[in-house]
Protein backbone atom coordinates (compact mmCIF):
# COMPACT_ATOMS: atom_id res chain seq x y z
CA UNK A 1 210.00 242.08 160.75
CA UNK A 2 210.79 238.80 158.77
CA UNK A 3 209.01 236.85 156.01
CA UNK A 4 208.28 233.30 156.37
CA UNK A 5 208.90 230.85 153.72
CA UNK A 6 207.01 227.55 154.25
CA UNK A 7 207.95 224.59 151.72
CA UNK A 8 204.72 222.28 151.42
CA UNK A 9 205.38 218.35 151.52
CA UNK A 10 202.95 217.01 153.53
CA UNK A 11 199.63 218.72 152.41
CA UNK A 12 197.16 221.28 153.92
CA UNK A 13 196.77 219.99 157.20
CA UNK A 14 200.58 220.31 158.18
CA UNK A 15 200.82 223.68 156.49
CA UNK A 16 197.86 225.20 158.67
CA UNK A 17 199.61 223.81 161.80
CA UNK A 18 202.98 225.75 160.85
CA UNK A 19 200.74 228.89 159.66
CA UNK A 20 198.87 228.93 163.03
CA UNK A 21 201.91 228.64 165.08
CA UNK A 22 203.29 231.86 163.30
CA UNK A 23 199.96 233.81 164.86
CA UNK A 24 201.88 235.00 168.26
CA UNK A 25 204.73 236.02 166.14
CA UNK A 26 202.31 238.08 163.74
CA UNK A 27 200.48 239.92 167.33
CA UNK A 28 204.18 240.74 168.38
CA UNK A 29 205.33 242.23 165.11
CA UNK A 30 207.96 240.14 164.20
CA UNK A 31 206.34 238.31 161.40
CA UNK A 32 205.14 240.53 158.55
CA UNK A 33 204.27 238.36 155.65
CA UNK A 34 204.37 234.49 154.67
CA UNK A 35 205.07 232.67 151.52
CA UNK A 36 203.87 229.36 150.55
CA UNK A 37 206.21 227.20 148.19
CA UNK A 38 204.25 224.23 146.71
CA UNK A 39 205.56 222.11 144.10
CA UNK A 40 202.58 221.74 141.74
CA UNK A 41 199.28 223.57 141.96
CA UNK A 42 196.90 222.50 144.75
CA UNK A 43 193.47 223.53 145.44
CA UNK A 44 193.42 222.76 149.06
CA UNK A 45 197.21 224.16 149.71
CA UNK A 46 195.75 227.69 147.62
CA UNK A 47 192.82 227.55 150.01
CA UNK A 48 194.73 227.55 153.17
CA UNK A 49 197.27 230.24 152.08
CA UNK A 50 194.63 232.55 150.92
CA UNK A 51 192.59 232.11 154.27
CA UNK A 52 195.75 232.90 155.89
CA UNK A 53 196.61 236.10 153.88
CA UNK A 54 199.78 234.26 152.43
CA UNK A 55 201.25 234.53 148.98
CA UNK A 56 201.15 231.03 147.05
CA UNK A 57 204.17 230.39 144.81
CA UNK A 58 204.65 227.00 142.65
CA UNK A 59 208.12 226.36 142.15
CA UNK A 60 209.05 222.90 141.08
CA UNK A 61 212.69 222.62 142.13
CA UNK A 62 211.89 223.43 146.14
CA UNK A 63 214.52 225.81 146.51
CA UNK A 64 213.96 228.72 148.71
CA UNK A 65 214.86 231.55 146.24
CA UNK A 66 211.32 231.78 144.95
CA UNK A 67 210.00 232.39 148.07
CA UNK A 68 212.62 235.04 148.95
CA UNK A 69 211.55 236.77 145.49
CA UNK A 70 208.18 237.04 146.61
CA UNK A 71 208.90 238.24 150.42
CA UNK A 72 208.61 241.48 151.45
CA UNK A 73 211.11 241.31 154.29
CA UNK A 74 214.86 241.27 154.20
CA UNK A 75 215.15 238.38 157.04
CA UNK A 76 213.37 235.29 156.20
CA UNK A 77 212.47 232.44 158.38
CA UNK A 78 212.65 229.18 156.17
CA UNK A 79 210.50 226.28 157.45
CA UNK A 80 208.54 223.08 156.15
CA UNK A 81 205.01 222.59 156.99
CA UNK A 82 204.56 221.09 159.62
CA UNK A 83 207.13 222.57 161.64
CA UNK A 84 206.35 224.48 164.86
CA UNK A 85 208.88 227.09 166.51
CA UNK A 86 208.84 226.39 170.03
CA UNK A 87 208.23 228.82 173.29
CA UNK A 88 210.56 231.87 173.13
CA UNK A 89 211.65 231.72 169.77
CA UNK A 90 209.73 234.91 168.80
CA UNK A 91 211.88 236.92 171.27
CA UNK A 92 215.38 235.42 170.07
CA UNK A 93 214.47 236.21 166.38
CA UNK A 94 213.55 239.59 167.22
CA UNK A 95 216.85 239.95 168.98
CA UNK A 96 219.05 238.55 166.25
CA UNK A 97 217.24 240.50 163.65
CA UNK A 98 217.50 243.80 165.66
CA UNK A 99 221.38 243.58 166.18
CA UNK A 100 222.49 241.59 163.20
CA UNK A 101 224.03 242.71 160.00
CA UNK A 102 222.94 241.69 156.51
CA UNK A 103 226.64 240.13 156.31
CA UNK A 104 226.12 237.74 158.72
CA UNK A 105 223.65 235.90 156.57
CA UNK A 106 222.33 232.97 158.26
CA UNK A 107 221.10 231.77 161.67
CA UNK A 108 220.31 228.41 162.61
CA UNK A 109 217.43 227.40 164.96
CA UNK A 110 217.74 223.99 166.71
CA UNK A 111 215.40 221.06 165.47
CA UNK A 112 214.23 218.79 168.62
CA UNK A 113 214.46 215.22 167.67
CA UNK A 114 213.07 212.02 168.97
CA UNK A 115 214.37 208.64 168.72
CA UNK A 116 217.38 206.79 170.37
CA UNK A 117 219.83 208.19 168.14
CA UNK A 118 218.63 211.71 167.65
CA UNK A 119 221.57 213.20 169.84
CA UNK A 120 223.96 211.81 167.32
CA UNK A 121 221.83 212.99 164.27
CA UNK A 122 222.18 216.85 165.85
CA UNK A 123 225.97 216.51 166.86
CA UNK A 124 226.31 215.39 163.04
CA UNK A 125 224.50 218.36 161.68
CA UNK A 126 226.03 220.68 163.82
CA UNK A 127 229.76 219.33 162.52
CA UNK A 128 228.46 219.62 158.93
CA UNK A 129 226.66 222.54 159.48
CA UNK A 130 228.23 224.53 156.60
CA UNK A 131 225.83 227.34 154.72
CA UNK A 132 223.60 225.36 153.16
CA UNK A 133 219.92 226.75 153.71
CA UNK A 134 217.32 224.34 155.28
CA UNK A 135 214.25 224.47 157.38
CA UNK A 136 215.06 226.21 160.58
CA UNK A 137 217.26 228.69 159.19
CA UNK A 138 216.76 232.55 159.37
CA UNK A 139 218.45 233.94 156.43
CA UNK A 140 219.35 237.31 155.15
CA UNK A 141 217.28 237.74 151.52
CA UNK A 142 220.80 238.64 149.67
CA UNK A 143 221.65 235.09 150.37
CA UNK A 144 219.23 233.52 148.73
CA UNK A 145 218.73 236.02 146.03
CA UNK A 146 222.04 237.19 145.06
CA UNK A 147 224.15 233.94 146.22
CA UNK A 148 225.98 236.05 148.47
CA UNK A 149 228.83 233.51 150.32
CA UNK A 150 227.08 233.25 153.95
CA UNK A 151 229.38 232.78 157.08
CA UNK A 152 228.49 229.53 159.37
CA UNK A 153 225.38 229.94 160.69
CA UNK A 154 224.79 231.22 163.91
CA UNK A 155 222.98 228.96 166.43
CA UNK A 156 220.38 230.30 167.90
CA UNK A 157 218.63 229.39 171.57
CA UNK A 158 215.59 228.62 170.06
CA UNK A 159 213.94 225.44 168.81
CA UNK A 160 211.61 223.91 166.11
CA UNK A 161 209.82 220.70 166.76
CA UNK A 162 207.91 218.74 164.02
CA UNK A 163 203.76 218.37 164.31
CA UNK A 164 203.34 214.75 166.44
CA UNK A 165 201.04 214.04 163.69
CA UNK A 166 203.60 214.27 160.93
CA UNK A 167 206.46 212.00 162.99
C-alpha cells in the first residue's frame, strides 16, 4: 500500500477531483491513506479532507516533507490538486512498489501535456529529470524524511493528466 500526498493550490473543487480519482486505487488495495497539504487553514479544504478521511496538514513552505511525516506508508505518491492519474496507473504503481527496493528512491509518472510545445516541454523535463521531488513522483518515505540521496527517477508507464477545468 501507498500513501498519497496532495498539495492544495487550486481549492476544494480541484482537491475533490483528485481525491475522487483515487477511489479505484483504494478499492484495489493500493492506496491506504491520503495527506492533504495546505499552505494555510481553510474551512472548505478541511471539510473535503474530513469527508474523504484524509489527514490535513498545514505547511507554509509547500514541501512534501510535512506530508511524509503524517503519512502511514513507506511509498508516497505526490500529487497536486487537480492531478488525475490515468488508466493503468494502479497496476503500474502496484508492480513498482512490490518489486522495488527502498534504495531505488523515486519513480516518476508522465504528465500529459497539451498545447503546441508540450512535446518539447516533456523532453526538457526528461533531460533535467534529476531527483528533485515533484507532483507525479512515487517516492520512498526515507528520501523525504532523511534527505536520503535518490537515484535518477525511474520513468513509469503511467500518466497523470490535469483536470480540464484547471488547464
